[in-house]
Amino acid sequence: MTLDQLRVFVAVADRGHLTRAADALALTPAAVSAAIRALERRYDVQLFDRVGRGIVLTAPGAAFLEQARATLANAQATELALQEMSGTGRGRVRVHASQTIASYWLPQRLIAFRQRYPALELALTIGNTSGVAQGVNEGGADLGLVEGDVDGASLDVTQVATDRLFVVVAPSHAWADGRRLGTADLVRSSWISRESGSGTRSVFEAALRAGGVDAATLDVVLTLPSNEAVRVAVEHSACAAVLSERVAAPAIEAGRLVRAGFALPPRSFNLLRHRERYRTRAAEALVALLVD
């Protein structure tokens, strides 16, 4: 088994299509197909089922995917360690960040980092909190930045900032009059929500549970994958939503949104690092700036 075969396997698993994987790897579809067949024949296991024009992982393939990702991550970490020892490191930092952080807190800090270390390369991937934690766990990211708490015994978590969440409504909504709301009152409005795995949604649902309300009882009429989509939808609807102060503030100042009278606890912006993987000097330089 070679690292190149593992890279092909992961690329196909991620895309569910031989040709798309071949394009991503700058290989021919025939070469990709041959690499998968070689793995399957060498270990007498079927990794994929062919379904129509696509392919999907079998149960053994899904189990192998986690190990393949970890092996590739460890190989990359080993290469980086050797490069730094020889003084020829390329200085690349892979950062995965959840949406609020990536859009409203991180950009000015990345600019400051580039100004301080112009030779270092940054690669930013944006996702939700659960996806970011997965990226760090699987070795796809050197650093992760998320809103709120995450589970994972393999992760070191460091708080780098705090954030406030607001319940917001359009000026025409009944809650725009500033009345104080209890947790039980929240079931009386329709809602627009972020997707499952979002840090904003997780904090809100935890607050509901603490107040004795099951999140499943809310009338969620629309689930959207980004903060900006939620904000615009609430501005033009009779629904409520939960947004970071950083996301909602411009619309509140412009009169397009109103903060409703329900207080949510502050949440942390947290830096994630893997406990066991090699930490490059480039990544540690960015960490020093972020926690300063």
C-alpha atoms as a PDB file:
ATOM      1  CA  MET A   1       0.000   0.000   0.000  1.00  0.00           C
ATOM      2  CA  THR A   2       1.336   3.442  -0.932  1.00  0.00           C
ATOM      3  CA  LEU A   3       0.476   6.964   0.155  1.00  0.00           C
ATOM      4  CA  ASP A   4      -0.543   7.712  -3.425  1.00  0.00           C
ATOM      5  CA  GLN A   5      -3.087   4.880  -3.292  1.00  0.00           C
ATOM      6  CA  LEU A   6      -4.448   6.282  -0.033  1.00  0.00           C
ATOM      7  CA  ARG A   7      -4.742   9.760  -1.559  1.00  0.00           C
ATOM      8  CA  VAL A   8      -6.692   8.304  -4.479  1.00  0.00           C
ATOM      9  CA  PHE A   9      -8.964   6.338  -2.152  1.00  0.00           C
ATOM     10  CA  VAL A  10      -9.747   9.416   0.006  1.00  0.00           C
ATOM     11  CA  ALA A  11     -10.345  11.609  -3.054  1.00  0.00           C
ATOM     12  CA  VAL A  12     -12.818   9.106  -4.506  1.00  0.00           C
ATOM     13  CA  ALA A  13     -14.562   8.651  -1.145  1.00  0.00           C
ATOM     14  CA  ASP A  14     -14.933  12.402  -0.724  1.00  0.00           C
ATOM     15  CA  ARG A  15     -16.336  12.986  -4.198  1.00  0.00           C
ATOM     16  CA  GLY A  16     -18.245   9.773  -4.849  1.00  0.00           C
ATOM     17  CA  HIS A  17     -17.082   9.828  -8.452  1.00  0.00           C
ATOM     18  CA  LEU A  18     -13.968   8.529 -10.229  1.00  0.00           C
ATOM     19  CA  THR A  19     -13.727  11.292 -12.811  1.00  0.00           C
ATOM     20  CA  ARG A  20     -14.106  14.097 -10.246  1.00  0.00           C
ATOM     21  CA  ALA A  21     -11.438  12.488  -8.082  1.00  0.00           C
ATOM     22  CA  ALA A  22      -9.170  12.145 -11.110  1.00  0.00           C
ATOM     23  CA  ASP A  23      -9.622  15.836 -11.941  1.00  0.00           C
ATOM     24  CA  ALA A  24      -8.809  16.839  -8.364  1.00  0.00           C
ATOM     25  CA  LEU A  25      -5.626  14.733  -8.378  1.00  0.00           C
ATOM     26  CA  ALA A  26      -4.569  15.631 -11.936  1.00  0.00           C
ATOM     27  CA  LEU A  27      -4.745  11.950 -12.930  1.00  0.00           C
ATOM     28  CA  THR A  28      -6.646  10.035 -15.587  1.00  0.00           C
ATOM     29  CA  PRO A  29      -9.831   8.201 -14.570  1.00  0.00           C
ATOM     30  CA  ALA A  30      -8.129   4.977 -15.648  1.00  0.00           C
ATOM     31  CA  ALA A  31      -5.253   5.595 -13.211  1.00  0.00           C
ATOM     32  CA  VAL A  32      -7.681   6.296 -10.377  1.00  0.00           C
ATOM     33  CA  SER A  33      -9.697   3.173 -11.149  1.00  0.00           C
ATOM     34  CA  ALA A  34      -6.512   1.091 -11.281  1.00  0.00           C
ATOM     35  CA  ALA A  35      -5.361   2.368  -7.885  1.00  0.00           C
ATOM     36  CA  ILE A  36      -8.683   1.431  -6.284  1.00  0.00           C
ATOM     37  CA  ARG A  37      -8.668  -2.011  -7.916  1.00  0.00           C
ATOM     38  CA  ALA A  38      -5.114  -2.608  -6.726  1.00  0.00           C
ATOM     39  CA  LEU A  39      -6.103  -1.891  -3.129  1.00  0.00           C
ATOM     40  CA  GLU A  40      -9.181  -4.084  -3.329  1.00  0.00           C
ATOM     41  CA  ARG A  41      -7.298  -6.998  -4.893  1.00  0.00           C
ATOM     42  CA  ARG A  42      -4.284  -6.718  -2.590  1.00  0.00           C
ATOM     43  CA  TYR A  43      -6.433  -6.939   0.541  1.00  0.00           C
ATOM     44  CA  ASP A  44      -9.348  -8.937  -0.883  1.00  0.00           C
ATOM     45  CA  VAL A  45     -11.947  -6.367   0.193  1.00  0.00           C
ATOM     46  CA  GLN A  46     -14.512  -4.330  -1.714  1.00  0.00           C
ATOM     47  CA  LEU A  47     -14.141  -0.662  -0.777  1.00  0.00           C
ATOM     48  CA  PHE A  48     -16.829   0.816  -3.037  1.00  0.00           C
ATOM     49  CA  ASP A  49     -20.170  -0.142  -4.526  1.00  0.00           C
ATOM     50  CA  ARG A  50     -20.781   1.108  -8.066  1.00  0.00           C
ATOM     51  CA  VAL A  51     -24.181   2.870  -8.103  1.00  0.00           C
ATOM     52  CA  GLY A  52     -25.206   4.329 -11.456  1.00  0.00           C
ATOM     53  CA  ARG A  53     -22.491   6.722 -12.568  1.00  0.00           C
ATOM     54  CA  GLY A  54     -21.233   7.239  -9.035  1.00  0.00           C
ATOM     55  CA  ILE A  55     -19.715   5.063  -6.356  1.00  0.00           C
ATOM     56  CA  VAL A  56     -20.387   4.841  -2.631  1.00  0.00           C
ATOM     57  CA  LEU A  57     -18.353   3.407   0.219  1.00  0.00           C
ATOM     58  CA  THR A  58     -19.087  -0.077   1.451  1.00  0.00           C
ATOM     59  CA  ALA A  59     -19.059  -0.727   5.198  1.00  0.00           C
ATOM     60  CA  PRO A  60     -15.386  -1.840   5.069  1.00  0.00           C
ATOM     61  CA  GLY A  61     -14.579   1.196   2.921  1.00  0.00           C
ATOM     62  CA  ALA A  62     -16.179   3.573   5.418  1.00  0.00           C
ATOM     63  CA  ALA A  63     -14.203   1.989   8.265  1.00  0.00           C
ATOM     64  CA  PHE A  64     -10.978   2.231   6.243  1.00  0.00           C
ATOM     65  CA  LEU A  65     -11.579   5.897   5.355  1.00  0.00           C
ATOM     66  CA  GLU A  66     -10.907   7.112   8.894  1.00  0.00           C
ATOM     67  CA  GLN A  67      -7.629   5.209   9.044  1.00  0.00           C
ATOM     68  CA  ALA A  68      -6.603   6.438   5.589  1.00  0.00           C
ATOM     69  CA  ARG A  69      -7.179  10.057   6.577  1.00  0.00           C
ATOM     70  CA  ALA A  70      -5.164   9.605   9.768  1.00  0.00           C
ATOM     71  CA  THR A  71      -2.295   7.957   7.887  1.00  0.00           C
ATOM     72  CA  LEU A  72      -2.116  10.778   5.336  1.00  0.00           C
ATOM     73  CA  ALA A  73      -2.261  13.400   8.101  1.00  0.00           C
ATOM     74  CA  ASN A  74       0.575  11.702   9.987  1.00  0.00           C
ATOM     75  CA  ALA A  75       2.638  11.467   6.810  1.00  0.00           C
ATOM     76  CA  GLN A  76       2.188  15.165   6.153  1.00  0.00           C
ATOM     77  CA  ALA A  77       3.092  16.009   9.747  1.00  0.00           C
ATOM     78  CA  THR A  78       6.256  13.917   9.435  1.00  0.00           C
ATOM     79  CA  GLU A  79       7.220  15.703   6.234  1.00  0.00           C
ATOM     80  CA  LEU A  80       6.679  19.105   7.837  1.00  0.00           C
ATOM     81  CA  ALA A  81       8.781  18.129  10.846  1.00  0.00           C
ATOM     82  CA  LEU A  82      11.669  17.084   8.606  1.00  0.00           C
ATOM     83  CA  GLN A  83      11.375  20.246   6.522  1.00  0.00           C
ATOM     84  CA  GLU A  84      11.573  22.411   9.625  1.00  0.00           C
ATOM     85  CA  MET A  85      14.568  20.470  10.962  1.00  0.00           C
ATOM     86  CA  SER A  86      16.396  21.065   7.690  1.00  0.00           C
ATOM     87  CA  GLY A  87      15.433  24.703   7.543  1.00  0.00           C
ATOM     88  CA  THR A  88      13.596  24.269   4.246  1.00  0.00           C
ATOM     89  CA  GLY A  89      10.019  24.377   5.576  1.00  0.00           C
ATOM     90  CA  ARG A  90       7.522  25.962   3.266  1.00  0.00           C
ATOM     91  CA  GLY A  91       5.653  27.532   6.176  1.00  0.00           C
ATOM     92  CA  ARG A  92       2.048  26.595   5.429  1.00  0.00           C
ATOM     93  CA  VAL A  93      -0.745  26.774   8.005  1.00  0.00           C
ATOM     94  CA  ARG A  94      -4.109  25.122   7.351  1.00  0.00           C
ATOM     95  CA  VAL A  95      -6.887  26.771   9.348  1.00  0.00           C
ATOM     96  CA  HIS A  96     -10.483  25.578   9.564  1.00  0.00           C
ATOM     97  CA  ALA A  97     -12.898  28.078  11.102  1.00  0.00           C
ATOM     98  CA  SER A  98     -16.617  28.226  11.731  1.00  0.00           C
ATOM     99  CA  GLN A  99     -18.631  30.878   9.955  1.00  0.00           C
ATOM    100  CA  THR A 100     -18.975  33.662  12.510  1.00  0.00           C
ATOM    101  CA  ILE A 101     -15.279  33.543  13.366  1.00  0.00           C
ATOM    102  CA  ALA A 102     -14.165  33.233   9.747  1.00  0.00           C
ATOM    103  CA  SER A 103     -16.295  36.154   8.579  1.00  0.00           C
ATOM    104  CA  TYR A 104     -16.181  38.596  11.499  1.00  0.00           C
ATOM    105  CA  TRP A 105     -13.285  37.885  13.885  1.00  0.00           C
ATOM    106  CA  LEU A 106     -10.504  36.154  11.992  1.00  0.00           C
ATOM    107  CA  PRO A 107      -9.847  38.217   8.807  1.00  0.00           C
ATOM    108  CA  GLN A 108      -8.087  41.167  10.472  1.00  0.00           C
ATOM    109  CA  ARG A 109      -5.927  38.738  12.448  1.00  0.00           C
ATOM    110  CA  LEU A 110      -4.938  36.836   9.323  1.00  0.00           C
ATOM    111  CA  ILE A 111      -3.970  40.120   7.691  1.00  0.00           C
ATOM    112  CA  ALA A 112      -1.824  40.996  10.712  1.00  0.00           C
ATOM    113  CA  PHE A 113      -0.196  37.565  10.527  1.00  0.00           C
ATOM    114  CA  ARG A 114       0.603  37.958   6.832  1.00  0.00           C
ATOM    115  CA  GLN A 115       2.117  41.371   7.471  1.00  0.00           C
ATOM    116  CA  ARG A 116       4.290  39.935  10.234  1.00  0.00           C
ATOM    117  CA  TYR A 117       5.224  36.744   8.341  1.00  0.00           C
ATOM    118  CA  PRO A 118       4.922  37.467   4.606  1.00  0.00           C
ATOM    119  CA  ALA A 119       6.722  34.254   3.593  1.00  0.00           C
ATOM    120  CA  LEU A 120       4.222  31.973   5.313  1.00  0.00           C
ATOM    121  CA  GLU A 121       1.226  30.581   3.437  1.00  0.00           C
ATOM    122  CA  LEU A 122      -2.277  30.455   4.919  1.00  0.00           C
ATOM    123  CA  ALA A 123      -5.080  28.167   3.756  1.00  0.00           C
ATOM    124  CA  LEU A 124      -8.513  28.879   5.268  1.00  0.00           C
ATOM    125  CA  THR A 125     -11.501  26.526   5.076  1.00  0.00           C
ATOM    126  CA  ILE A 126     -14.901  27.636   6.405  1.00  0.00           C
ATOM    127  CA  GLY A 127     -17.458  25.239   7.867  1.00  0.00           C
ATOM    128  CA  ASN A 128     -19.635  24.753  10.913  1.00  0.00           C
ATOM    129  CA  THR A 129     -18.364  23.879  14.381  1.00  0.00           C
ATOM    130  CA  SER A 130     -18.697  20.111  14.071  1.00  0.00           C
ATOM    131  CA  GLY A 131     -16.999  20.100  10.666  1.00  0.00           C
ATOM    132  CA  VAL A 132     -14.082  22.176  11.958  1.00  0.00           C
ATOM    133  CA  ALA A 133     -13.550  19.837  14.914  1.00  0.00           C
ATOM    134  CA  GLN A 134     -13.628  16.877  12.518  1.00  0.00           C
ATOM    135  CA  GLY A 135     -11.018  18.545  10.305  1.00  0.00           C
ATOM    136  CA  VAL A 136      -8.608  18.945  13.220  1.00  0.00           C
ATOM    137  CA  ASN A 137      -9.285  15.417  14.473  1.00  0.00           C
ATOM    138  CA  GLU A 138      -8.644  13.868  11.068  1.00  0.00           C
ATOM    139  CA  GLY A 139      -5.541  15.923  10.307  1.00  0.00           C
ATOM    140  CA  GLY A 140      -7.029  18.096   7.580  1.00  0.00           C
ATOM    141  CA  ALA A 141      -6.335  21.235   9.619  1.00  0.00           C
ATOM    142  CA  ASP A 142      -3.417  22.378  11.764  1.00  0.00           C
ATOM    143  CA  LEU A 143      -5.692  24.707  13.725  1.00  0.00           C
ATOM    144  CA  GLY A 144      -9.443  25.007  14.203  1.00  0.00           C
ATOM    145  CA  LEU A 145     -11.481  27.942  15.442  1.00  0.00           C
ATOM    146  CA  VAL A 146     -15.024  27.338  16.644  1.00  0.00           C
ATOM    147  CA  GLU A 147     -17.824  28.955  18.594  1.00  0.00           C
ATOM    148  CA  GLY A 148     -18.730  27.177  21.817  1.00  0.00           C
ATOM    149  CA  ASP A 149     -17.742  23.806  23.214  1.00  0.00           C
ATOM    150  CA  VAL A 150     -16.701  20.720  21.289  1.00  0.00           C
ATOM    151  CA  ASP A 151     -16.303  17.096  22.273  1.00  0.00           C
ATOM    152  CA  GLY A 152     -13.074  15.295  21.600  1.00  0.00           C
ATOM    153  CA  ALA A 153     -10.483  13.785  23.899  1.00  0.00           C
ATOM    154  CA  SER A 154      -7.834  14.271  21.204  1.00  0.00           C
ATOM    155  CA  LEU A 155      -8.273  18.064  21.075  1.00  0.00           C
ATOM    156  CA  ASP A 156      -6.626  20.830  23.075  1.00  0.00           C
ATOM    157  CA  VAL A 157      -9.086  23.717  23.479  1.00  0.00           C
ATOM    158  CA  THR A 158      -7.974  27.298  24.214  1.00  0.00           C
ATOM    159  CA  GLN A 159     -10.347  30.245  24.540  1.00  0.00           C
ATOM    160  CA  VAL A 160      -9.292  33.192  22.362  1.00  0.00           C
ATOM    161  CA  ALA A 161     -12.345  35.512  22.572  1.00  0.00           C
ATOM    162  CA  THR A 162     -15.979  35.736  23.673  1.00  0.00           C
ATOM    163  CA  ASP A 163     -19.143  36.478  21.755  1.00  0.00           C
ATOM    164  CA  ARG A 164     -22.758  37.388  22.525  1.00  0.00           C
ATOM    165  CA  LEU A 165     -25.806  35.860  20.881  1.00  0.00           C
ATOM    166  CA  PHE A 166     -28.992  37.855  20.279  1.00  0.00           C
ATOM    167  CA  VAL A 167     -32.540  36.779  19.536  1.00  0.00           C
ATOM    168  CA  VAL A 168     -33.475  39.086  16.651  1.00  0.00           C
ATOM    169  CA  VAL A 169     -36.701  39.890  14.827  1.00  0.00           C
ATOM    170  CA  ALA A 170     -37.911  42.305  12.159  1.00  0.00           C
ATOM    171  CA  PRO A 171     -39.387  45.642  13.382  1.00  0.00           C
ATOM    172  CA  SER A 172     -42.903  44.384  12.546  1.00  0.00           C
ATOM    173  CA  HIS A 173     -42.624  41.371  14.878  1.00  0.00           C
ATOM    174  CA  ALA A 174     -44.530  41.446  18.178  1.00  0.00           C
ATOM    175  CA  TRP A 175     -41.271  40.991  20.111  1.00  0.00           C
ATOM    176  CA  ALA A 176     -39.833  44.184  18.648  1.00  0.00           C
ATOM    177  CA  ASP A 177     -41.545  46.152  21.442  1.00  0.00           C
ATOM    178  CA  GLY A 178     -38.798  45.146  23.872  1.00  0.00           C
ATOM    179  CA  ARG A 179     -40.933  42.995  26.172  1.00  0.00           C
ATOM    180  CA  ARG A 180     -38.993  40.629  28.408  1.00  0.00           C
ATOM    181  CA  LEU A 181     -39.254  37.039  27.268  1.00  0.00           C
ATOM    182  CA  GLY A 182     -38.923  33.840  29.223  1.00  0.00           C
ATOM    183  CA  THR A 183     -37.809  30.556  27.723  1.00  0.00           C
ATOM    184  CA  ALA A 184     -41.413  29.341  27.573  1.00  0.00           C
ATOM    185  CA  ASP A 185     -42.373  32.377  25.445  1.00  0.00           C
ATOM    186  CA  LEU A 186     -40.040  31.316  22.639  1.00  0.00           C
ATOM    187  CA  VAL A 187     -42.429  28.642  21.350  1.00  0.00           C
ATOM    188  CA  ARG A 188     -44.914  31.383  20.369  1.00  0.00           C
ATOM    189  CA  SER A 189     -42.951  32.501  17.308  1.00  0.00           C
ATOM    190  CA  SER A 190     -41.833  30.819  14.130  1.00  0.00           C
ATOM    191  CA  TRP A 191     -38.073  30.545  13.724  1.00  0.00           C
ATOM    192  CA  ILE A 192     -35.329  30.533  11.136  1.00  0.00           C
ATOM    193  CA  SER A 193     -32.384  28.395  12.195  1.00  0.00           C
ATOM    194  CA  ARG A 194     -28.847  27.452  11.271  1.00  0.00           C
ATOM    195  CA  GLU A 195     -28.147  23.839  10.342  1.00  0.00           C
ATOM    196  CA  SER A 196     -27.356  20.994  12.711  1.00  0.00           C
ATOM    197  CA  GLY A 197     -23.700  21.178  13.737  1.00  0.00           C
ATOM    198  CA  SER A 198     -23.709  24.978  13.912  1.00  0.00           C
ATOM    199  CA  GLY A 199     -22.226  26.444  17.095  1.00  0.00           C
ATOM    200  CA  THR A 200     -24.915  29.129  17.191  1.00  0.00           C
ATOM    201  CA  ARG A 201     -27.647  26.531  17.043  1.00  0.00           C
ATOM    202  CA  SER A 202     -25.960  24.355  19.683  1.00  0.00           C
ATOM    203  CA  VAL A 203     -25.696  27.201  22.205  1.00  0.00           C
ATOM    204  CA  PHE A 204     -29.319  28.199  21.633  1.00  0.00           C
ATOM    205  CA  GLU A 205     -30.575  24.638  22.026  1.00  0.00           C
ATOM    206  CA  ALA A 206     -28.569  24.265  25.241  1.00  0.00           C
ATOM    207  CA  ALA A 207     -30.200  27.444  26.597  1.00  0.00           C
ATOM    208  CA  LEU A 208     -33.624  26.047  25.698  1.00  0.00           C
ATOM    209  CA  ARG A 209     -32.894  22.794  27.536  1.00  0.00           C
ATOM    210  CA  ALA A 210     -31.691  24.725  30.579  1.00  0.00           C
ATOM    211  CA  GLY A 211     -35.030  26.563  30.574  1.00  0.00           C
ATOM    212  CA  GLY A 212     -37.037  23.361  30.280  1.00  0.00           C
ATOM    213  CA  VAL A 213     -37.951  23.706  26.589  1.00  0.00           C
ATOM    214  CA  ASP A 214     -37.331  20.998  24.011  1.00  0.00           C
ATOM    215  CA  ALA A 215     -35.872  22.542  20.858  1.00  0.00           C
ATOM    216  CA  ALA A 216     -38.017  20.150  18.806  1.00  0.00           C
ATOM    217  CA  THR A 217     -41.127  22.051  19.950  1.00  0.00           C
ATOM    218  CA  LEU A 218     -40.049  25.246  18.171  1.00  0.00           C
ATOM    219  CA  ASP A 219     -41.770  26.035  14.881  1.00  0.00           C
ATOM    220  CA  VAL A 220     -38.672  26.138  12.662  1.00  0.00           C
ATOM    221  CA  VAL A 221     -39.936  27.078   9.216  1.00  0.00           C
ATOM    222  CA  LEU A 222     -36.553  27.404   7.516  1.00  0.00           C
ATOM    223  CA  THR A 223     -33.065  26.004   8.133  1.00  0.00           C
ATOM    224  CA  LEU A 224     -30.220  27.821   6.375  1.00  0.00           C
ATOM    225  CA  PRO A 225     -26.486  27.126   6.096  1.00  0.00           C
ATOM    226  CA  SER A 226     -25.048  30.602   6.706  1.00  0.00           C
ATOM    227  CA  ASN A 227     -25.398  33.515   9.111  1.00  0.00           C
ATOM    228  CA  GLU A 228     -26.000  36.002   6.322  1.00  0.00           C
ATOM    229  CA  ALA A 229     -28.795  33.919   4.830  1.00  0.00           C
ATOM    230  CA  VAL A 230     -30.486  33.718   8.242  1.00  0.00           C
ATOM    231  CA  ARG A 231     -30.114  37.459   8.809  1.00  0.00           C
ATOM    232  CA  VAL A 232     -31.619  38.438   5.450  1.00  0.00           C
ATOM    233  CA  ALA A 233     -34.454  35.933   5.831  1.00  0.00           C
ATOM    234  CA  VAL A 234     -35.397  37.294   9.260  1.00  0.00           C
ATOM    235  CA  GLU A 235     -35.333  40.864   7.965  1.00  0.00           C
ATOM    236  CA  HIS A 236     -38.036  39.886   5.468  1.00  0.00           C
ATOM    237  CA  SER A 237     -40.190  37.582   7.591  1.00  0.00           C
ATOM    238  CA  ALA A 238     -42.308  37.318  10.719  1.00  0.00           C
ATOM    239  CA  CYS A 239     -39.825  34.858  12.243  1.00  0.00           C
ATOM    240  CA  ALA A 240     -37.226  35.077  14.981  1.00  0.00           C
ATOM    241  CA  ALA A 241     -33.629  33.859  14.844  1.00  0.00           C
ATOM    242  CA  VAL A 242     -30.484  33.675  16.933  1.00  0.00           C
ATOM    243  CA  LEU A 243     -27.428  35.466  15.578  1.00  0.00           C
ATOM    244  CA  SER A 244     -24.070  36.602  16.862  1.00  0.00           C
ATOM    245  CA  GLU A 245     -23.932  40.258  17.862  1.00  0.00           C
ATOM    246  CA  ARG A 246     -21.176  40.625  15.253  1.00  0.00           C
ATOM    247  CA  VAL A 247     -23.536  39.398  12.519  1.00  0.00           C
ATOM    248  CA  ALA A 248     -26.650  41.259  13.657  1.00  0.00           C
ATOM    249  CA  ALA A 249     -25.184  44.618  14.727  1.00  0.00           C
ATOM    250  CA  PRO A 250     -25.132  46.349  11.299  1.00  0.00           C
ATOM    251  CA  ALA A 251     -28.776  45.386  10.628  1.00  0.00           C
ATOM    252  CA  ILE A 252     -29.817  46.496  14.129  1.00  0.00           C
ATOM    253  CA  GLU A 253     -28.072  49.846  13.681  1.00  0.00           C
ATOM    254  CA  ALA A 254     -29.780  50.272  10.291  1.00  0.00           C
ATOM    255  CA  GLY A 255     -33.207  49.507  11.774  1.00  0.00           C
ATOM    256  CA  ARG A 256     -33.737  46.329   9.767  1.00  0.00           C
ATOM    257  CA  LEU A 257     -33.596  44.096  12.862  1.00  0.00           C
ATOM    258  CA  VAL A 258     -34.478  44.521  16.534  1.00  0.00           C
ATOM    259  CA  ARG A 259     -32.952  42.676  19.459  1.00  0.00           C
ATOM    260  CA  ALA A 260     -35.690  40.822  21.339  1.00  0.00           C
ATOM    261  CA  GLY A 261     -35.814  40.761  25.120  1.00  0.00           C
ATOM    262  CA  PHE A 262     -34.370  37.324  25.739  1.00  0.00           C
ATOM    263  CA  ALA A 263     -30.861  37.001  27.188  1.00  0.00           C
ATOM    264  CA  LEU A 264     -28.554  34.213  26.043  1.00  0.00           C
ATOM    265  CA  PRO A 265     -25.316  33.323  27.845  1.00  0.00           C
ATOM    266  CA  PRO A 266     -22.016  34.458  26.302  1.00  0.00           C
ATOM    267  CA  ARG A 267     -20.107  31.871  24.339  1.00  0.00           C
ATOM    268  CA  SER A 268     -16.422  31.295  23.756  1.00  0.00           C
ATOM    269  CA  PHE A 269     -14.424  31.469  20.561  1.00  0.00           C
ATOM    270  CA  ASN A 270     -12.108  28.472  20.950  1.00  0.00           C
ATOM    271  CA  LEU A 271      -8.857  27.443  19.294  1.00  0.00           C
ATOM    272  CA  LEU A 272      -8.527  23.706  18.596  1.00  0.00           C
ATOM    273  CA  ARG A 273      -5.271  21.783  18.209  1.00  0.00           C
ATOM    274  CA  HIS A 274      -4.655  18.059  18.073  1.00  0.00           C
ATOM    275  CA  ARG A 275      -2.951  16.772  21.216  1.00  0.00           C
ATOM    276  CA  GLU A 276      -0.662  14.269  19.494  1.00  0.00           C
ATOM    277  CA  ARG A 277       0.237  15.653  16.076  1.00  0.00           C
ATOM    278  CA  TYR A 278       3.390  17.616  15.359  1.00  0.00           C
ATOM    279  CA  ARG A 279       2.933  21.370  15.759  1.00  0.00           C
ATOM    280  CA  THR A 280       4.822  23.344  13.155  1.00  0.00           C
ATOM    281  CA  ARG A 281       6.572  26.591  13.963  1.00  0.00           C
ATOM    282  CA  ALA A 282       4.380  28.337  11.398  1.00  0.00           C
ATOM    283  CA  ALA A 283       1.197  27.144  13.121  1.00  0.00           C
ATOM    284  CA  GLU A 284       2.546  28.075  16.555  1.00  0.00           C
ATOM    285  CA  ALA A 285       3.365  31.566  15.276  1.00  0.00           C
ATOM    286  CA  LEU A 286      -0.276  32.008  14.287  1.00  0.00           C
ATOM    287  CA  VAL A 287      -1.423  30.611  17.635  1.00  0.00           C
ATOM    288  CA  ALA A 288       0.721  33.191  19.451  1.00  0.00           C
ATOM    289  CA  LEU A 289      -0.983  35.990  17.517  1.00  0.00           C
ATOM    290  CA  LEU A 290      -4.489  34.621  18.051  1.00  0.00           C
ATOM    291  CA  VAL A 291      -4.173  34.199  21.817  1.00  0.00           C
ATOM    292  CA  ASP A 292      -2.386  37.533  22.330  1.00  0.00           C
END
